[in-house]
Amino acid sequence: MSAAIAAPVDRLLYKPEEAAEALAIGRSTVYELMAEGALKYIKLGRTRRIRRTDLEVFVATLAPLPD
């Protein structure tokens, strides 16, 4: 009997911990970026969620350091 492997869900909203994993940075750094306004988020009740598009915009605005 073969087990079906489910494809990963293409999320629209991420928990800060999931966003940290997607960005390969620490959870506290994500919270700092949200507090600074560098990473946009939405509030759903008492929770915070980060839109996938806001993660993409954040990454696109990162500038490489000069050589």
Protein backbone atom coordinates (compact mmCIF):
# COMPACT_ATOMS: atom_id res chain seq x y z
CA MET A 1 0.00 0.00 0.00
CA SER A 2 1.42 3.39 -0.97
CA ALA A 3 1.06 6.46 1.17
CA ALA A 4 0.05 9.65 -0.57
CA ILE A 5 2.32 12.58 0.17
CA ALA A 6 0.44 15.84 0.46
CA ALA A 7 1.92 18.89 -1.20
CA PRO A 8 2.81 21.71 1.20
CA VAL A 9 0.06 24.26 1.67
CA ASP A 10 0.76 27.58 0.01
CA ARG A 11 -0.07 29.77 3.00
CA LEU A 12 -1.53 33.23 2.73
CA LEU A 13 -0.89 34.12 6.39
CA TYR A 14 2.05 33.17 8.58
CA LYS A 15 2.50 33.14 12.34
CA PRO A 16 5.59 35.13 13.37
CA GLU A 17 7.36 31.83 14.14
CA GLU A 18 6.54 30.50 10.65
CA ALA A 19 7.67 33.77 9.06
CA ALA A 20 10.95 33.52 10.95
CA GLU A 21 11.48 30.02 9.59
CA ALA A 22 10.62 31.12 6.04
CA LEU A 23 13.08 34.03 6.30
CA ALA A 24 15.76 31.95 8.08
CA ILE A 25 15.95 34.46 10.94
CA GLY A 26 15.08 34.31 14.63
CA ARG A 27 11.58 34.71 16.01
CA SER A 28 12.60 37.69 18.15
CA THR A 29 14.02 39.40 15.05
CA VAL A 30 10.63 39.05 13.35
CA TYR A 31 8.95 40.68 16.35
CA GLU A 32 11.54 43.49 16.28
CA LEU A 33 10.95 44.07 12.57
CA MET A 34 7.19 44.20 13.17
CA ALA A 35 7.65 46.69 16.05
CA GLU A 36 9.87 48.91 13.87
CA GLY A 37 7.33 48.84 11.04
CA ALA A 38 9.81 47.19 8.69
CA LEU A 39 7.62 44.09 8.41
CA LYS A 40 3.89 44.68 8.09
CA TYR A 41 1.41 42.46 9.90
CA ILE A 42 -2.28 42.20 10.65
CA LYS A 43 -4.03 41.49 13.93
CA LEU A 44 -6.71 38.84 14.13
CA GLY A 45 -8.14 39.11 17.59
CA ARG A 46 -5.13 38.83 19.90
CA THR A 47 -2.88 37.15 17.33
CA ARG A 48 -0.57 38.61 14.70
CA ARG A 49 -0.27 37.23 11.21
CA ILE A 50 2.02 38.23 8.37
CA ARG A 51 0.77 38.12 4.80
CA ARG A 52 2.84 36.19 2.31
CA THR A 53 2.90 39.28 0.08
CA ASP A 54 4.29 41.38 2.96
CA LEU A 55 7.08 38.84 3.44
CA GLU A 56 7.88 39.04 -0.27
CA VAL A 57 7.89 42.86 -0.20
CA PHE A 58 10.18 42.85 2.84
CA VAL A 59 12.67 40.55 1.12
CA ALA A 60 12.51 42.57 -2.11
CA THR A 61 13.40 45.77 -0.24
CA LEU A 62 16.49 44.29 1.41
CA ALA A 63 19.59 45.90 -0.08
CA PRO A 64 22.84 43.99 -0.37
CA LEU A 65 25.82 45.41 1.47
CA PRO A 66 28.34 47.20 -0.75
CA ASP A 67 31.53 45.30 -1.52
